[in-house]
Amino acid sequence: MQLLCTRLRQERLVHEWTQAELARRAGVGVSTLSNLEAGRNTSVETLVRVAMVLGRTQELTALFTPQLQSLDDIQRLERAKQRQRIREKKHG
């Protein structure tokens, strides 16, 4: 998370925006943005808003794209699509 927050700060600086400017564009408070950049007490909604303003939504999409590196990965993904719930493992 800290790396992600650092990258968002770097992206803001590339745009030459102050925290106040980015916060205004994203519709969040300056303290909220400051907390995000510091990696503390932030929400997913804030992260998405800031990423959208910075034009970095593709990176967020990539976080949820399955990494398929083998036939087993593909089969596991297909089985997961069919299931509605994960069964609890029995201890014993």
N, C-alpha and C. Protein backbone atom coordinates (compact mmCIF):
# COMPACT_ATOMS: atom_id res chain seq x y z
N MET A 1 0.83 -1.19 0.00
CA MET A 1 0.00 0.00 0.00
C MET A 1 0.87 1.25 0.00
N GLN A 2 1.94 1.20 0.77
CA GLN A 2 2.82 2.37 0.85
C GLN A 2 3.42 2.70 -0.52
N LEU A 3 3.80 1.69 -1.28
CA LEU A 3 4.35 1.91 -2.61
C LEU A 3 3.32 2.57 -3.52
N LEU A 4 2.09 2.10 -3.46
CA LEU A 4 1.01 2.68 -4.26
C LEU A 4 0.81 4.15 -3.90
N CYS A 5 0.79 4.45 -2.62
CA CYS A 5 0.60 5.83 -2.18
C CYS A 5 1.75 6.73 -2.61
N THR A 6 2.95 6.21 -2.56
CA THR A 6 4.12 6.97 -3.01
C THR A 6 4.02 7.25 -4.51
N ARG A 7 3.57 6.27 -5.27
CA ARG A 7 3.42 6.47 -6.72
C ARG A 7 2.36 7.51 -7.05
N LEU A 8 1.27 7.52 -6.27
CA LEU A 8 0.25 8.55 -6.49
C LEU A 8 0.82 9.94 -6.23
N ARG A 9 1.60 10.07 -5.18
CA ARG A 9 2.23 11.36 -4.87
C ARG A 9 3.15 11.78 -6.01
N GLN A 10 3.96 10.84 -6.49
CA GLN A 10 4.87 11.14 -7.59
C GLN A 10 4.10 11.58 -8.84
N GLU A 11 3.00 10.93 -9.10
CA GLU A 11 2.18 11.27 -10.26
C GLU A 11 1.60 12.68 -10.10
N ARG A 12 1.20 13.03 -8.90
CA ARG A 12 0.71 14.39 -8.64
C ARG A 12 1.80 15.41 -8.93
N LEU A 13 3.00 15.11 -8.51
CA LEU A 13 4.12 16.03 -8.73
C LEU A 13 4.47 16.14 -10.22
N VAL A 14 4.32 15.07 -10.97
CA VAL A 14 4.55 15.12 -12.41
C VAL A 14 3.58 16.10 -13.06
N HIS A 15 2.35 16.12 -12.56
CA HIS A 15 1.34 17.05 -13.08
C HIS A 15 1.57 18.48 -12.56
N GLU A 16 2.51 18.62 -11.62
CA GLU A 16 2.81 19.91 -10.99
C GLU A 16 1.60 20.50 -10.28
N TRP A 17 0.88 19.61 -9.59
CA TRP A 17 -0.29 20.02 -8.82
C TRP A 17 0.05 20.01 -7.34
N THR A 18 -0.51 20.94 -6.61
CA THR A 18 -0.41 20.92 -5.16
C THR A 18 -1.41 19.89 -4.64
N GLN A 19 -1.28 19.54 -3.37
CA GLN A 19 -2.27 18.64 -2.78
C GLN A 19 -3.66 19.28 -2.85
N ALA A 20 -3.72 20.58 -2.64
CA ALA A 20 -5.00 21.28 -2.67
C ALA A 20 -5.65 21.18 -4.06
N GLU A 21 -4.84 21.33 -5.10
CA GLU A 21 -5.37 21.26 -6.47
C GLU A 21 -5.90 19.86 -6.79
N LEU A 22 -5.12 18.85 -6.47
CA LEU A 22 -5.57 17.47 -6.74
C LEU A 22 -6.79 17.13 -5.89
N ALA A 23 -6.79 17.55 -4.64
CA ALA A 23 -7.94 17.28 -3.77
C ALA A 23 -9.20 17.92 -4.35
N ARG A 24 -9.10 19.15 -4.83
CA ARG A 24 -10.25 19.83 -5.42
C ARG A 24 -10.75 19.08 -6.64
N ARG A 25 -9.84 18.67 -7.51
CA ARG A 25 -10.22 17.95 -8.74
C ARG A 25 -10.86 16.60 -8.42
N ALA A 26 -10.37 15.95 -7.36
CA ALA A 26 -10.89 14.62 -7.00
C ALA A 26 -12.12 14.69 -6.11
N GLY A 27 -12.43 15.87 -5.61
CA GLY A 27 -13.59 16.02 -4.76
C GLY A 27 -13.39 15.46 -3.36
N VAL A 28 -12.15 15.57 -2.86
CA VAL A 28 -11.85 15.11 -1.50
C VAL A 28 -11.17 16.26 -0.76
N GLY A 29 -11.07 16.12 0.54
CA GLY A 29 -10.40 17.13 1.34
C GLY A 29 -8.89 17.03 1.23
N VAL A 30 -8.22 18.13 1.52
CA VAL A 30 -6.75 18.14 1.47
C VAL A 30 -6.19 17.17 2.50
N SER A 31 -6.78 17.13 3.69
CA SER A 31 -6.27 16.21 4.71
C SER A 31 -6.49 14.75 4.29
N THR A 32 -7.58 14.50 3.58
CA THR A 32 -7.84 13.15 3.07
C THR A 32 -6.77 12.75 2.06
N LEU A 33 -6.43 13.67 1.17
CA LEU A 33 -5.38 13.39 0.18
C LEU A 33 -4.03 13.22 0.86
N SER A 34 -3.75 14.05 1.84
CA SER A 34 -2.50 13.94 2.58
C SER A 34 -2.39 12.57 3.25
N ASN A 35 -3.50 12.12 3.85
CA ASN A 35 -3.51 10.79 4.47
C ASN A 35 -3.29 9.69 3.43
N LEU A 36 -3.90 9.83 2.27
CA LEU A 36 -3.71 8.85 1.20
C LEU A 36 -2.24 8.77 0.80
N GLU A 37 -1.63 9.93 0.56
CA GLU A 37 -0.23 9.94 0.14
C GLU A 37 0.70 9.39 1.22
N ALA A 38 0.29 9.51 2.47
CA ALA A 38 1.08 8.98 3.57
C ALA A 38 0.77 7.51 3.85
N GLY A 39 -0.26 6.99 3.17
CA GLY A 39 -0.61 5.58 3.35
C GLY A 39 -1.33 5.28 4.64
N ARG A 40 -2.06 6.26 5.15
CA ARG A 40 -2.77 6.03 6.41
C ARG A 40 -4.24 6.44 6.31
N ASN A 41 -5.07 5.67 6.95
CA ASN A 41 -6.49 6.00 7.14
C ASN A 41 -7.17 6.54 5.88
N THR A 42 -7.22 5.72 4.86
CA THR A 42 -7.85 6.15 3.62
C THR A 42 -8.86 5.12 3.15
N SER A 43 -9.70 5.50 2.23
CA SER A 43 -10.71 4.57 1.72
C SER A 43 -10.41 4.21 0.26
N VAL A 44 -11.00 3.12 -0.16
CA VAL A 44 -10.86 2.71 -1.56
C VAL A 44 -11.48 3.77 -2.46
N GLU A 45 -12.58 4.36 -2.03
CA GLU A 45 -13.23 5.40 -2.83
C GLU A 45 -12.28 6.57 -3.09
N THR A 46 -11.56 7.01 -2.06
CA THR A 46 -10.59 8.10 -2.23
C THR A 46 -9.50 7.69 -3.20
N LEU A 47 -8.99 6.49 -3.05
CA LEU A 47 -7.95 5.98 -3.94
C LEU A 47 -8.43 6.00 -5.39
N VAL A 48 -9.64 5.53 -5.63
CA VAL A 48 -10.18 5.48 -6.99
C VAL A 48 -10.39 6.90 -7.53
N ARG A 49 -10.93 7.79 -6.73
CA ARG A 49 -11.15 9.17 -7.19
C ARG A 49 -9.85 9.82 -7.62
N VAL A 50 -8.82 9.68 -6.79
CA VAL A 50 -7.52 10.29 -7.09
C VAL A 50 -6.90 9.64 -8.32
N ALA A 51 -6.97 8.32 -8.40
CA ALA A 51 -6.41 7.62 -9.55
C ALA A 51 -7.10 8.05 -10.84
N MET A 52 -8.41 8.26 -10.78
CA MET A 52 -9.16 8.69 -11.97
C MET A 52 -8.70 10.07 -12.43
N VAL A 53 -8.55 10.98 -11.50
CA VAL A 53 -8.11 12.34 -11.84
C VAL A 53 -6.70 12.32 -12.42
N LEU A 54 -5.87 11.43 -11.90
CA LEU A 54 -4.49 11.33 -12.40
C LEU A 54 -4.38 10.50 -13.68
N GLY A 55 -5.51 9.95 -14.13
CA GLY A 55 -5.49 9.15 -15.36
C GLY A 55 -4.85 7.79 -15.19
N ARG A 56 -4.97 7.22 -14.00
CA ARG A 56 -4.31 5.94 -13.71
C ARG A 56 -5.29 4.81 -13.43
N THR A 57 -6.46 4.84 -14.04
CA THR A 57 -7.45 3.79 -13.76
C THR A 57 -7.05 2.44 -14.35
N GLN A 58 -6.26 2.44 -15.40
CA GLN A 58 -5.84 1.15 -15.97
C GLN A 58 -5.00 0.35 -14.98
N GLU A 59 -4.21 1.04 -14.18
CA GLU A 59 -3.42 0.35 -13.17
C GLU A 59 -4.33 -0.31 -12.13
N LEU A 60 -5.42 0.37 -11.78
CA LEU A 60 -6.37 -0.23 -10.84
C LEU A 60 -7.04 -1.44 -11.45
N THR A 61 -7.40 -1.34 -12.70
CA THR A 61 -8.02 -2.48 -13.40
C THR A 61 -7.07 -3.67 -13.42
N ALA A 62 -5.80 -3.40 -13.63
CA ALA A 62 -4.80 -4.48 -13.68
C ALA A 62 -4.70 -5.23 -12.36
N LEU A 63 -5.01 -4.55 -11.24
CA LEU A 63 -4.97 -5.23 -9.95
C LEU A 63 -5.97 -6.38 -9.87
N PHE A 64 -7.06 -6.26 -10.63
CA PHE A 64 -8.13 -7.25 -10.54
C PHE A 64 -8.20 -8.16 -11.77
N THR A 65 -7.22 -8.08 -12.62
CA THR A 65 -7.15 -8.95 -13.78
C THR A 65 -6.42 -10.23 -13.38
N PRO A 66 -7.05 -11.37 -13.58
CA PRO A 66 -6.40 -12.63 -13.18
C PRO A 66 -5.07 -12.83 -13.92
N GLN A 67 -4.09 -13.26 -13.16
CA GLN A 67 -2.79 -13.58 -13.74
C GLN A 67 -2.78 -15.06 -14.08
N LEU A 68 -2.88 -15.35 -15.36
CA LEU A 68 -2.95 -16.73 -15.82
C LEU A 68 -1.61 -17.12 -16.42
N GLN A 69 -0.90 -17.98 -15.68
CA GLN A 69 0.43 -18.37 -16.13
C GLN A 69 0.54 -19.85 -16.47
N SER A 70 -0.55 -20.57 -16.24
CA SER A 70 -0.51 -21.99 -16.55
C SER A 70 -1.92 -22.49 -16.83
N LEU A 71 -2.00 -23.69 -17.34
CA LEU A 71 -3.29 -24.32 -17.59
C LEU A 71 -4.05 -24.50 -16.28
N ASP A 72 -3.35 -24.84 -15.20
CA ASP A 72 -3.99 -24.98 -13.90
C ASP A 72 -4.65 -23.67 -13.46
N ASP A 73 -3.99 -22.54 -13.71
CA ASP A 73 -4.57 -21.24 -13.36
C ASP A 73 -5.87 -21.00 -14.13
N ILE A 74 -5.89 -21.34 -15.39
CA ILE A 74 -7.08 -21.15 -16.22
C ILE A 74 -8.22 -22.04 -15.70
N GLN A 75 -7.91 -23.29 -15.40
CA GLN A 75 -8.92 -24.21 -14.90
C GLN A 75 -9.46 -23.75 -13.54
N ARG A 76 -8.59 -23.27 -12.67
CA ARG A 76 -9.00 -22.78 -11.36
C ARG A 76 -9.92 -21.58 -11.51
N LEU A 77 -9.61 -20.68 -12.44
CA LEU A 77 -10.45 -19.51 -12.69
C LEU A 77 -11.82 -19.93 -13.19
N GLU A 78 -11.86 -20.88 -14.11
CA GLU A 78 -13.14 -21.35 -14.65
C GLU A 78 -13.99 -22.00 -13.56
N ARG A 79 -13.37 -22.80 -12.69
CA ARG A 79 -14.11 -23.42 -11.59
C ARG A 79 -14.64 -22.35 -10.63
N ALA A 80 -13.86 -21.34 -10.37
CA ALA A 80 -14.27 -20.27 -9.45
C ALA A 80 -15.45 -19.49 -10.02
N LYS A 81 -15.52 -19.33 -11.33
CA LYS A 81 -16.64 -18.64 -11.95
C LYS A 81 -17.94 -19.41 -11.75
N GLN A 82 -17.85 -20.73 -11.69
CA GLN A 82 -19.03 -21.56 -11.56
C GLN A 82 -19.55 -21.60 -10.12
N ARG A 83 -18.65 -21.49 -9.15
CA ARG A 83 -19.05 -21.58 -7.75
C ARG A 83 -19.62 -20.26 -7.26
N GLN A 84 -20.57 -20.37 -6.35
CA GLN A 84 -21.14 -19.18 -5.74
C GLN A 84 -20.49 -18.88 -4.39
N ARG A 85 -20.03 -19.93 -3.71
CA ARG A 85 -19.38 -19.74 -2.42
C ARG A 85 -18.20 -20.70 -2.29
N ILE A 86 -17.33 -20.33 -1.40
CA ILE A 86 -16.19 -21.20 -1.10
C ILE A 86 -16.58 -22.04 0.11
N ARG A 87 -16.36 -23.31 0.01
CA ARG A 87 -16.71 -24.20 1.11
C ARG A 87 -15.69 -24.07 2.23
N GLU A 88 -16.19 -24.17 3.44
CA GLU A 88 -15.30 -24.13 4.61
C GLU A 88 -14.53 -25.43 4.69
N LYS A 89 -13.26 -25.30 5.06
CA LYS A 89 -12.45 -26.50 5.23
C LYS A 89 -12.74 -27.12 6.58
N LYS A 90 -12.85 -28.44 6.59
CA LYS A 90 -13.08 -29.14 7.86
C LYS A 90 -11.75 -29.37 8.54
N HIS A 91 -11.71 -29.04 9.79
CA HIS A 91 -10.49 -29.28 10.58
C HIS A 91 -10.61 -30.65 11.22
N GLY A 92 -9.56 -31.36 11.14
CA GLY A 92 -9.74 -32.64 11.77
C GLY A 92 -8.68 -33.56 11.50
